[in-house]
């Protein structure tokens, strides 16, 4: 589910398994203004915070797709997604960044 918070509102993800590039641990995650403020156990709930029970769930940063083909002509065809629709679809699946593939053409310098 998506949660849209007004400026200054808090979101607390309670008791999830926080996963990053090198480890995972049970923790709470406190977010304010779309920025992670604290990660730790048994964080205090700020007044008026939206609290989500994340027990039994993985809490991960958005994924990065390092090889996409958006709005790219290739061999007489063009991919069906442009940058807007491709990023919207990626975001719906948890991917928050993409790096589009660059196809060099004859006499291009890399």
Foldseek 3Di string as FASTA:
>chain_A
DDDDDDAFAKEKEAFAWEDDDPDTDTWIWIDHPNHTDDTGHPDDDPPPHHYHHRHPHYDYAAAEAEEDQAQHDDPNDGDPHHPVVVCVVSVVVRHNYYHYDDDDDPPDDD
